[in-house]
Amino acid sequence: MMRSIGQAVRDALLTADPRAKAMAARAVARDWRLGRLSPRFDVTMPDEPARPAHPELLPPNKMPKRGRGGSDRARIALWHSLAHIEFVAIDLALDMVGRFGGQMGSQFVSDFLSVAADEAMHFALLDRKLATLGSHYGALPAHGGLWESARNTAHDVAARLAIVPMVLEARGLDITPVTLERVRAQGDENGARILQRILDDEIRHVAFGASHFDQLCRDSGEPTVEKWQFLIKTYFRGSLKPPFNDSARESAGLSREFRAGIV
């Protein structure tokens, strides 16, 4: 019997080695695109994905300050932090597919598997960048709270879409241009190109989330903006903080109307 998409996603989620996980995510996306996986969701997703022994995961308030200077130590800390975000993003996209794909249908599966493949490619670029700086992923502690949003929304696809692509990834649209300009000002054109690639891809990722969220609301007869605001107030523990990259957000389907009354 042909291997199921559910089993393939579960196996990727339970791959601990960072490079192997990235390769597994890309392989699942490719096999799905080529029709090598059966559209069956016949296994349950793990509550937590497999993690490597390093990096050590710390609470946000225990993370060492990165600093803003151009020292080698500060640069390594920046790229390590970005690599960790992209590594966790692989699991977030895979879990989106494995947990909700059966409910949401084949286009949803295709969209978020393409996200998983992109995040895997981003991680590979950042891991390579760390190597050029004489470091590697796992060399420093990392933020231990990035999976919390997945844990809190495991029961509700609308909440997951509202929080992960439409808040967390959208935040990347706001922050990445500032980081890109700082990296470029340091004369790091290679780093700037990596960040530009990530930014361009993240616009599409947020757009996938916004589009599927809007369709869910249409199907249930609920107003999209009000439903999103309700879910943010219910499940998002942080706050939406400026600056906002309104042009990128608009391109991704997030108008300023979404933030009205909650920022």
C-alpha atoms as a PDB file:
ATOM      1  CA  MET A   1       0.000   0.000   0.000  1.00  0.00           C
ATOM      2  CA  MET A   2       1.187   3.501  -0.813  1.00  0.00           C
ATOM      3  CA  ARG A   3       2.558   5.373   2.173  1.00  0.00           C
ATOM      4  CA  SER A   4       0.096   7.890   3.632  1.00  0.00           C
ATOM      5  CA  ILE A   5       0.678  11.616   3.881  1.00  0.00           C
ATOM      6  CA  GLY A   6      -0.169  11.354   7.576  1.00  0.00           C
ATOM      7  CA  GLN A   7       2.603   8.824   8.211  1.00  0.00           C
ATOM      8  CA  ALA A   8       5.116  10.779   6.140  1.00  0.00           C
ATOM      9  CA  VAL A   9       4.424  13.975   8.087  1.00  0.00           C
ATOM     10  CA  ARG A  10       4.564  12.184  11.429  1.00  0.00           C
ATOM     11  CA  ASP A  11       7.910  10.606  10.540  1.00  0.00           C
ATOM     12  CA  ALA A  12       9.328  14.019   9.595  1.00  0.00           C
ATOM     13  CA  LEU A  13       8.069  15.563  12.833  1.00  0.00           C
ATOM     14  CA  LEU A  14       9.763  12.773  14.794  1.00  0.00           C
ATOM     15  CA  THR A  15      13.113  13.311  13.055  1.00  0.00           C
ATOM     16  CA  ALA A  16      15.379  14.998  15.596  1.00  0.00           C
ATOM     17  CA  ASP A  17      18.539  15.776  13.639  1.00  0.00           C
ATOM     18  CA  PRO A  18      18.154  19.287  12.186  1.00  0.00           C
ATOM     19  CA  ARG A  19      19.574  18.602   8.735  1.00  0.00           C
ATOM     20  CA  ALA A  20      17.745  15.291   8.469  1.00  0.00           C
ATOM     21  CA  LYS A  21      14.468  16.997   9.456  1.00  0.00           C
ATOM     22  CA  ALA A  22      14.977  19.660   6.795  1.00  0.00           C
ATOM     23  CA  MET A  23      15.627  16.971   4.180  1.00  0.00           C
ATOM     24  CA  ALA A  24      12.605  14.975   5.368  1.00  0.00           C
ATOM     25  CA  ALA A  25      10.306  18.003   5.085  1.00  0.00           C
ATOM     26  CA  ARG A  26      11.452  18.694   1.554  1.00  0.00           C
ATOM     27  CA  ALA A  27      11.028  15.029   0.646  1.00  0.00           C
ATOM     28  CA  VAL A  28       7.447  14.938   1.968  1.00  0.00           C
ATOM     29  CA  ALA A  29       6.556  18.037  -0.051  1.00  0.00           C
ATOM     30  CA  ARG A  30       8.144  16.574  -3.191  1.00  0.00           C
ATOM     31  CA  ASP A  31       6.504  13.153  -2.764  1.00  0.00           C
ATOM     32  CA  TRP A  32       3.081  14.753  -2.250  1.00  0.00           C
ATOM     33  CA  ARG A  33       3.518  16.942  -5.320  1.00  0.00           C
ATOM     34  CA  LEU A  34       4.498  13.906  -7.416  1.00  0.00           C
ATOM     35  CA  GLY A  35       1.570  11.803  -6.210  1.00  0.00           C
ATOM     36  CA  ARG A  36       3.689   9.327  -4.272  1.00  0.00           C
ATOM     37  CA  LEU A  37       1.701   9.687  -1.039  1.00  0.00           C
ATOM     38  CA  SER A  38      -1.841   8.539  -0.373  1.00  0.00           C
ATOM     39  CA  PRO A  39      -4.156  11.335   0.886  1.00  0.00           C
ATOM     40  CA  ARG A  40      -4.836   9.464   4.141  1.00  0.00           C
ATOM     41  CA  PHE A  41      -4.492  10.907   7.630  1.00  0.00           C
ATOM     42  CA  ASP A  42      -4.375   7.581   9.422  1.00  0.00           C
ATOM     43  CA  VAL A  43      -2.003   8.353  12.296  1.00  0.00           C
ATOM     44  CA  THR A  44      -2.062  10.880  15.109  1.00  0.00           C
ATOM     45  CA  MET A  45       0.428  13.691  15.270  1.00  0.00           C
ATOM     46  CA  PRO A  46       2.863  13.851  18.204  1.00  0.00           C
ATOM     47  CA  ASP A  47       2.147  16.445  20.877  1.00  0.00           C
ATOM     48  CA  GLU A  48       5.760  17.589  20.558  1.00  0.00           C
ATOM     49  CA  PRO A  49       8.129  17.174  17.615  1.00  0.00           C
ATOM     50  CA  ALA A  50      11.490  15.511  18.094  1.00  0.00           C
ATOM     51  CA  ARG A  51      14.262  17.916  19.027  1.00  0.00           C
ATOM     52  CA  PRO A  52      18.062  17.580  18.877  1.00  0.00           C
ATOM     53  CA  ALA A  53      20.050  17.529  22.118  1.00  0.00           C
ATOM     54  CA  HIS A  54      21.306  21.009  21.265  1.00  0.00           C
ATOM     55  CA  PRO A  55      20.479  23.869  21.298  1.00  0.00           C
ATOM     56  CA  GLU A  56      19.490  24.120  24.936  1.00  0.00           C
ATOM     57  CA  LEU A  57      15.967  25.585  25.010  1.00  0.00           C
ATOM     58  CA  LEU A  58      15.431  28.387  27.505  1.00  0.00           C
ATOM     59  CA  PRO A  59      12.406  30.448  28.597  1.00  0.00           C
ATOM     60  CA  PRO A  60      12.304  33.835  26.823  1.00  0.00           C
ATOM     61  CA  ASN A  61      13.281  35.714  29.994  1.00  0.00           C
ATOM     62  CA  LYS A  62      16.386  33.530  30.419  1.00  0.00           C
ATOM     63  CA  MET A  63      17.749  34.094  26.928  1.00  0.00           C
ATOM     64  CA  PRO A  64      21.093  35.951  26.853  1.00  0.00           C
ATOM     65  CA  LYS A  65      21.005  39.387  25.250  1.00  0.00           C
ATOM     66  CA  ARG A  66      22.227  39.306  21.671  1.00  0.00           C
ATOM     67  CA  GLY A  67      23.516  42.839  21.373  1.00  0.00           C
ATOM     68  CA  ARG A  68      23.298  44.979  18.264  1.00  0.00           C
ATOM     69  CA  GLY A  69      26.958  45.399  17.429  1.00  0.00           C
ATOM     70  CA  GLY A  70      28.838  43.973  14.474  1.00  0.00           C
ATOM     71  CA  SER A  71      31.123  41.741  16.533  1.00  0.00           C
ATOM     72  CA  ASP A  72      31.519  38.109  15.492  1.00  0.00           C
ATOM     73  CA  ARG A  73      29.754  37.034  18.663  1.00  0.00           C
ATOM     74  CA  ALA A  74      26.751  39.283  17.988  1.00  0.00           C
ATOM     75  CA  ARG A  75      26.543  38.197  14.356  1.00  0.00           C
ATOM     76  CA  ILE A  76      26.633  34.511  15.272  1.00  0.00           C
ATOM     77  CA  ALA A  77      23.915  35.088  17.884  1.00  0.00           C
ATOM     78  CA  LEU A  78      21.708  36.805  15.272  1.00  0.00           C
ATOM     79  CA  TRP A  79      22.050  34.067  12.662  1.00  0.00           C
ATOM     80  CA  HIS A  80      21.652  31.338  15.269  1.00  0.00           C
ATOM     81  CA  SER A  81      18.425  32.921  16.487  1.00  0.00           C
ATOM     82  CA  LEU A  82      17.096  33.116  12.921  1.00  0.00           C
ATOM     83  CA  ALA A  83      18.102  29.505  12.236  1.00  0.00           C
ATOM     84  CA  HIS A  84      16.179  28.369  15.323  1.00  0.00           C
ATOM     85  CA  ILE A  85      13.056  30.235  14.236  1.00  0.00           C
ATOM     86  CA  GLU A  86      13.192  28.584  10.813  1.00  0.00           C
ATOM     87  CA  PHE A  87      13.877  25.161  12.330  1.00  0.00           C
ATOM     88  CA  VAL A  88      10.780  25.374  14.526  1.00  0.00           C
ATOM     89  CA  ALA A  89       8.840  26.757  11.546  1.00  0.00           C
ATOM     90  CA  ILE A  90       9.462  23.470   9.700  1.00  0.00           C
ATOM     91  CA  ASP A  91       7.623  21.623  12.480  1.00  0.00           C
ATOM     92  CA  LEU A  92       4.853  24.219  12.648  1.00  0.00           C
ATOM     93  CA  ALA A  93       4.115  23.809   8.942  1.00  0.00           C
ATOM     94  CA  LEU A  94       4.306  20.012   9.078  1.00  0.00           C
ATOM     95  CA  ASP A  95       2.017  19.873  12.100  1.00  0.00           C
ATOM     96  CA  MET A  96      -0.450  22.171  10.322  1.00  0.00           C
ATOM     97  CA  VAL A  97      -0.674  19.593   7.539  1.00  0.00           C
ATOM     98  CA  GLY A  98      -0.699  16.463   9.664  1.00  0.00           C
ATOM     99  CA  ARG A  99      -3.171  17.747  12.237  1.00  0.00           C
ATOM    100  CA  PHE A 100      -5.638  19.598  10.020  1.00  0.00           C
ATOM    101  CA  GLY A 101      -5.059  18.432   6.440  1.00  0.00           C
ATOM    102  CA  GLY A 102      -7.753  15.774   6.522  1.00  0.00           C
ATOM    103  CA  GLN A 103     -10.310  18.368   7.566  1.00  0.00           C
ATOM    104  CA  MET A 104      -9.128  21.122   5.225  1.00  0.00           C
ATOM    105  CA  GLY A 105      -8.447  19.302   1.955  1.00  0.00           C
ATOM    106  CA  SER A 106      -5.748  18.843  -0.660  1.00  0.00           C
ATOM    107  CA  GLN A 107      -5.052  22.510  -1.487  1.00  0.00           C
ATOM    108  CA  PHE A 108      -4.433  23.230   2.196  1.00  0.00           C
ATOM    109  CA  VAL A 109      -2.056  20.257   2.317  1.00  0.00           C
ATOM    110  CA  SER A 110      -0.201  21.425  -0.786  1.00  0.00           C
ATOM    111  CA  ASP A 111       0.059  25.000   0.472  1.00  0.00           C
ATOM    112  CA  PHE A 112       1.480  24.165   3.876  1.00  0.00           C
ATOM    113  CA  LEU A 113       3.788  21.437   2.599  1.00  0.00           C
ATOM    114  CA  SER A 114       5.258  24.094   0.322  1.00  0.00           C
ATOM    115  CA  VAL A 115       5.671  26.244   3.448  1.00  0.00           C
ATOM    116  CA  ALA A 116       7.467  23.369   5.209  1.00  0.00           C
ATOM    117  CA  ALA A 117       9.804  22.955   2.225  1.00  0.00           C
ATOM    118  CA  ASP A 118      10.528  26.695   2.189  1.00  0.00           C
ATOM    119  CA  GLU A 119      11.278  26.745   5.906  1.00  0.00           C
ATOM    120  CA  ALA A 120      13.601  23.768   5.453  1.00  0.00           C
ATOM    121  CA  MET A 121      15.428  25.626   2.692  1.00  0.00           C
ATOM    122  CA  HIS A 122      15.644  28.756   4.874  1.00  0.00           C
ATOM    123  CA  PHE A 123      17.098  26.683   7.698  1.00  0.00           C
ATOM    124  CA  ALA A 124      19.685  25.168   5.346  1.00  0.00           C
ATOM    125  CA  LEU A 125      20.743  28.639   4.168  1.00  0.00           C
ATOM    126  CA  LEU A 126      21.078  29.883   7.742  1.00  0.00           C
ATOM    127  CA  ASP A 127      22.910  26.759   8.889  1.00  0.00           C
ATOM    128  CA  ARG A 128      25.361  27.296   6.042  1.00  0.00           C
ATOM    129  CA  LYS A 129      25.690  30.950   7.031  1.00  0.00           C
ATOM    130  CA  LEU A 130      26.602  29.928  10.575  1.00  0.00           C
ATOM    131  CA  ALA A 131      29.253  27.596   9.180  1.00  0.00           C
ATOM    132  CA  THR A 132      30.891  30.495   7.316  1.00  0.00           C
ATOM    133  CA  LEU A 133      31.118  32.273  10.687  1.00  0.00           C
ATOM    134  CA  GLY A 134      32.779  29.274  12.318  1.00  0.00           C
ATOM    135  CA  SER A 135      29.666  28.174  14.210  1.00  0.00           C
ATOM    136  CA  HIS A 136      26.723  25.816  13.821  1.00  0.00           C
ATOM    137  CA  TYR A 137      23.091  25.411  14.826  1.00  0.00           C
ATOM    138  CA  GLY A 138      23.000  24.193  18.414  1.00  0.00           C
ATOM    139  CA  ALA A 139      26.073  26.121  19.507  1.00  0.00           C
ATOM    140  CA  LEU A 140      24.013  28.630  21.517  1.00  0.00           C
ATOM    141  CA  PRO A 141      20.869  28.442  23.662  1.00  0.00           C
ATOM    142  CA  ALA A 142      17.575  29.088  21.880  1.00  0.00           C
ATOM    143  CA  HIS A 143      14.067  30.341  22.612  1.00  0.00           C
ATOM    144  CA  GLY A 144      12.083  27.498  24.153  1.00  0.00           C
ATOM    145  CA  GLY A 145       8.607  28.982  23.743  1.00  0.00           C
ATOM    146  CA  LEU A 146       8.134  28.869  19.970  1.00  0.00           C
ATOM    147  CA  TRP A 147       6.104  25.639  20.037  1.00  0.00           C
ATOM    148  CA  GLU A 148       3.701  26.985  22.656  1.00  0.00           C
ATOM    149  CA  SER A 149       1.328  28.451  20.074  1.00  0.00           C
ATOM    150  CA  ALA A 150       1.035  25.059  18.370  1.00  0.00           C
ATOM    151  CA  ARG A 151       0.324  23.389  21.705  1.00  0.00           C
ATOM    152  CA  ASN A 152      -2.383  25.919  22.570  1.00  0.00           C
ATOM    153  CA  THR A 153      -4.172  25.634  19.216  1.00  0.00           C
ATOM    154  CA  ALA A 154      -3.881  21.906  18.550  1.00  0.00           C
ATOM    155  CA  HIS A 155      -7.662  21.517  18.764  1.00  0.00           C
ATOM    156  CA  ASP A 156      -8.737  24.288  16.366  1.00  0.00           C
ATOM    157  CA  VAL A 157      -7.517  24.972  12.838  1.00  0.00           C
ATOM    158  CA  ALA A 158      -8.963  28.489  12.831  1.00  0.00           C
ATOM    159  CA  ALA A 159      -7.015  29.365  15.976  1.00  0.00           C
ATOM    160  CA  ARG A 160      -3.845  27.813  14.554  1.00  0.00           C
ATOM    161  CA  LEU A 161      -4.162  29.831  11.327  1.00  0.00           C
ATOM    162  CA  ALA A 162      -4.936  33.010  13.263  1.00  0.00           C
ATOM    163  CA  ILE A 163      -1.892  32.685  15.507  1.00  0.00           C
ATOM    164  CA  VAL A 164       0.879  31.022  13.496  1.00  0.00           C
ATOM    165  CA  PRO A 165       0.811  32.462   9.978  1.00  0.00           C
ATOM    166  CA  MET A 166      -1.302  35.545  10.713  1.00  0.00           C
ATOM    167  CA  VAL A 167       0.562  36.719  13.840  1.00  0.00           C
ATOM    168  CA  LEU A 168       3.903  34.955  14.251  1.00  0.00           C
ATOM    169  CA  GLU A 169       4.904  34.811  10.594  1.00  0.00           C
ATOM    170  CA  ALA A 170       3.379  38.227   9.949  1.00  0.00           C
ATOM    171  CA  ARG A 171       5.662  39.564  12.655  1.00  0.00           C
ATOM    172  CA  GLY A 172       8.558  38.418  10.499  1.00  0.00           C
ATOM    173  CA  LEU A 173       7.277  40.709   7.744  1.00  0.00           C
ATOM    174  CA  ASP A 174       7.637  43.622  10.165  1.00  0.00           C
ATOM    175  CA  ILE A 175      11.031  42.765  11.639  1.00  0.00           C
ATOM    176  CA  THR A 176      12.972  41.246   8.751  1.00  0.00           C
ATOM    177  CA  PRO A 177      13.381  44.474   6.703  1.00  0.00           C
ATOM    178  CA  VAL A 178      14.982  46.213   9.708  1.00  0.00           C
ATOM    179  CA  THR A 179      17.356  43.292  10.244  1.00  0.00           C
ATOM    180  CA  LEU A 180      18.118  43.174   6.523  1.00  0.00           C
ATOM    181  CA  GLU A 181      19.149  46.826   6.443  1.00  0.00           C
ATOM    182  CA  ARG A 182      21.320  46.401   9.530  1.00  0.00           C
ATOM    183  CA  VAL A 183      23.049  43.397   7.954  1.00  0.00           C
ATOM    184  CA  ARG A 184      23.539  45.264   4.680  1.00  0.00           C
ATOM    185  CA  ALA A 185      24.993  48.254   6.555  1.00  0.00           C
ATOM    186  CA  GLN A 186      27.600  45.893   7.988  1.00  0.00           C
ATOM    187  CA  GLY A 187      28.631  45.021   4.428  1.00  0.00           C
ATOM    188  CA  ASP A 188      27.136  41.514   4.528  1.00  0.00           C
ATOM    189  CA  GLU A 189      25.488  41.225   1.096  1.00  0.00           C
ATOM    190  CA  ASN A 190      25.258  37.443   1.339  1.00  0.00           C
ATOM    191  CA  GLY A 191      23.301  37.779   4.582  1.00  0.00           C
ATOM    192  CA  ALA A 192      21.095  40.454   3.035  1.00  0.00           C
ATOM    193  CA  ARG A 193      20.243  38.156   0.110  1.00  0.00           C
ATOM    194  CA  ILE A 194      19.285  35.355   2.521  1.00  0.00           C
ATOM    195  CA  LEU A 195      16.992  37.682   4.469  1.00  0.00           C
ATOM    196  CA  GLN A 196      15.411  39.024   1.276  1.00  0.00           C
ATOM    197  CA  ARG A 197      14.640  35.483   0.154  1.00  0.00           C
ATOM    198  CA  ILE A 198      13.085  34.683   3.522  1.00  0.00           C
ATOM    199  CA  LEU A 199      11.004  37.881   3.451  1.00  0.00           C
ATOM    200  CA  ASP A 200       9.693  37.191  -0.050  1.00  0.00           C
ATOM    201  CA  ASP A 201       8.697  33.637   0.907  1.00  0.00           C
ATOM    202  CA  GLU A 202       7.104  34.691   4.197  1.00  0.00           C
ATOM    203  CA  ILE A 203       4.698  37.023   2.378  1.00  0.00           C
ATOM    204  CA  ARG A 204       3.372  33.982   0.538  1.00  0.00           C
ATOM    205  CA  HIS A 205       3.191  31.947   3.757  1.00  0.00           C
ATOM    206  CA  VAL A 206       1.131  34.604   5.519  1.00  0.00           C
ATOM    207  CA  ALA A 207      -1.094  34.815   2.451  1.00  0.00           C
ATOM    208  CA  PHE A 208      -1.780  31.070   2.636  1.00  0.00           C
ATOM    209  CA  GLY A 209      -2.835  31.458   6.256  1.00  0.00           C
ATOM    210  CA  ALA A 210      -5.006  34.488   5.599  1.00  0.00           C
ATOM    211  CA  SER A 211      -6.690  32.871   2.593  1.00  0.00           C
ATOM    212  CA  HIS A 212      -7.549  29.609   4.348  1.00  0.00           C
ATOM    213  CA  PHE A 213      -8.687  31.486   7.448  1.00  0.00           C
ATOM    214  CA  ASP A 214     -10.960  33.689   5.345  1.00  0.00           C
ATOM    215  CA  GLN A 215     -12.434  30.624   3.624  1.00  0.00           C
ATOM    216  CA  LEU A 216     -13.128  28.982   6.981  1.00  0.00           C
ATOM    217  CA  CYS A 217     -14.973  32.099   8.105  1.00  0.00           C
ATOM    218  CA  ARG A 218     -16.956  32.278   4.870  1.00  0.00           C
ATOM    219  CA  ASP A 219     -17.947  28.632   5.201  1.00  0.00           C
ATOM    220  CA  SER A 220     -19.138  29.162   8.773  1.00  0.00           C
ATOM    221  CA  GLY A 221     -20.798  32.515   8.071  1.00  0.00           C
ATOM    222  CA  GLU A 222     -18.558  34.378  10.535  1.00  0.00           C
ATOM    223  CA  PRO A 223     -16.976  37.803   9.850  1.00  0.00           C
ATOM    224  CA  THR A 224     -13.285  37.259   9.148  1.00  0.00           C
ATOM    225  CA  VAL A 225     -11.808  40.241  10.966  1.00  0.00           C
ATOM    226  CA  GLU A 226     -13.963  39.889  14.082  1.00  0.00           C
ATOM    227  CA  LYS A 227     -13.290  36.145  14.268  1.00  0.00           C
ATOM    228  CA  TRP A 228      -9.536  36.746  13.994  1.00  0.00           C
ATOM    229  CA  GLN A 229      -9.629  39.402  16.707  1.00  0.00           C
ATOM    230  CA  PHE A 230     -11.561  37.074  19.011  1.00  0.00           C
ATOM    231  CA  LEU A 231      -9.043  34.264  18.494  1.00  0.00           C
ATOM    232  CA  ILE A 232      -6.089  36.585  19.075  1.00  0.00           C
ATOM    233  CA  LYS A 233      -7.562  37.782  22.359  1.00  0.00           C
ATOM    234  CA  THR A 234      -8.256  34.167  23.343  1.00  0.00           C
ATOM    235  CA  TYR A 235      -5.052  32.372  22.340  1.00  0.00           C
ATOM    236  CA  PHE A 236      -2.256  34.897  21.845  1.00  0.00           C
ATOM    237  CA  ARG A 237      -0.493  35.810  25.071  1.00  0.00           C
ATOM    238  CA  GLY A 238       1.620  38.593  23.670  1.00  0.00           C
ATOM    239  CA  SER A 239       0.638  41.868  22.085  1.00  0.00           C
ATOM    240  CA  LEU A 240       0.855  43.190  18.551  1.00  0.00           C
ATOM    241  CA  LYS A 241       3.589  45.811  18.562  1.00  0.00           C
ATOM    242  CA  PRO A 242       4.697  48.290  15.919  1.00  0.00           C
ATOM    243  CA  PRO A 243       6.414  48.852  13.602  1.00  0.00           C
ATOM    244  CA  PHE A 244       4.143  47.200  11.034  1.00  0.00           C
ATOM    245  CA  ASN A 245       5.177  46.537   7.456  1.00  0.00           C
ATOM    246  CA  ASP A 246       1.829  47.513   6.003  1.00  0.00           C
ATOM    247  CA  SER A 247       2.805  47.039   2.362  1.00  0.00           C
ATOM    248  CA  ALA A 248       3.952  43.447   2.956  1.00  0.00           C
ATOM    249  CA  ARG A 249       0.950  42.753   5.182  1.00  0.00           C
ATOM    250  CA  GLU A 250      -1.447  44.094   2.545  1.00  0.00           C
ATOM    251  CA  SER A 251       0.239  41.891  -0.067  1.00  0.00           C
ATOM    252  CA  ALA A 252      -0.384  38.920   2.201  1.00  0.00           C
ATOM    253  CA  GLY A 253      -4.045  39.784   2.772  1.00  0.00           C
ATOM    254  CA  LEU A 254      -3.736  41.383   6.207  1.00  0.00           C
ATOM    255  CA  SER A 255      -5.260  44.838   6.041  1.00  0.00           C
ATOM    256  CA  ARG A 256      -4.950  47.398   8.822  1.00  0.00           C
ATOM    257  CA  GLU A 257      -8.570  46.577   9.655  1.00  0.00           C
ATOM    258  CA  PHE A 258      -7.395  43.407  11.421  1.00  0.00           C
ATOM    259  CA  ARG A 259      -5.452  45.427  13.997  1.00  0.00           C
ATOM    260  CA  ALA A 260      -8.138  48.021  14.630  1.00  0.00           C
ATOM    261  CA  GLY A 261      -9.114  48.017  18.282  1.00  0.00           C
ATOM    262  CA  ILE A 262      -6.500  45.514  19.472  1.00  0.00           C
ATOM    263  CA  VAL A 263      -3.217  47.410  19.008  1.00  0.00           C
END
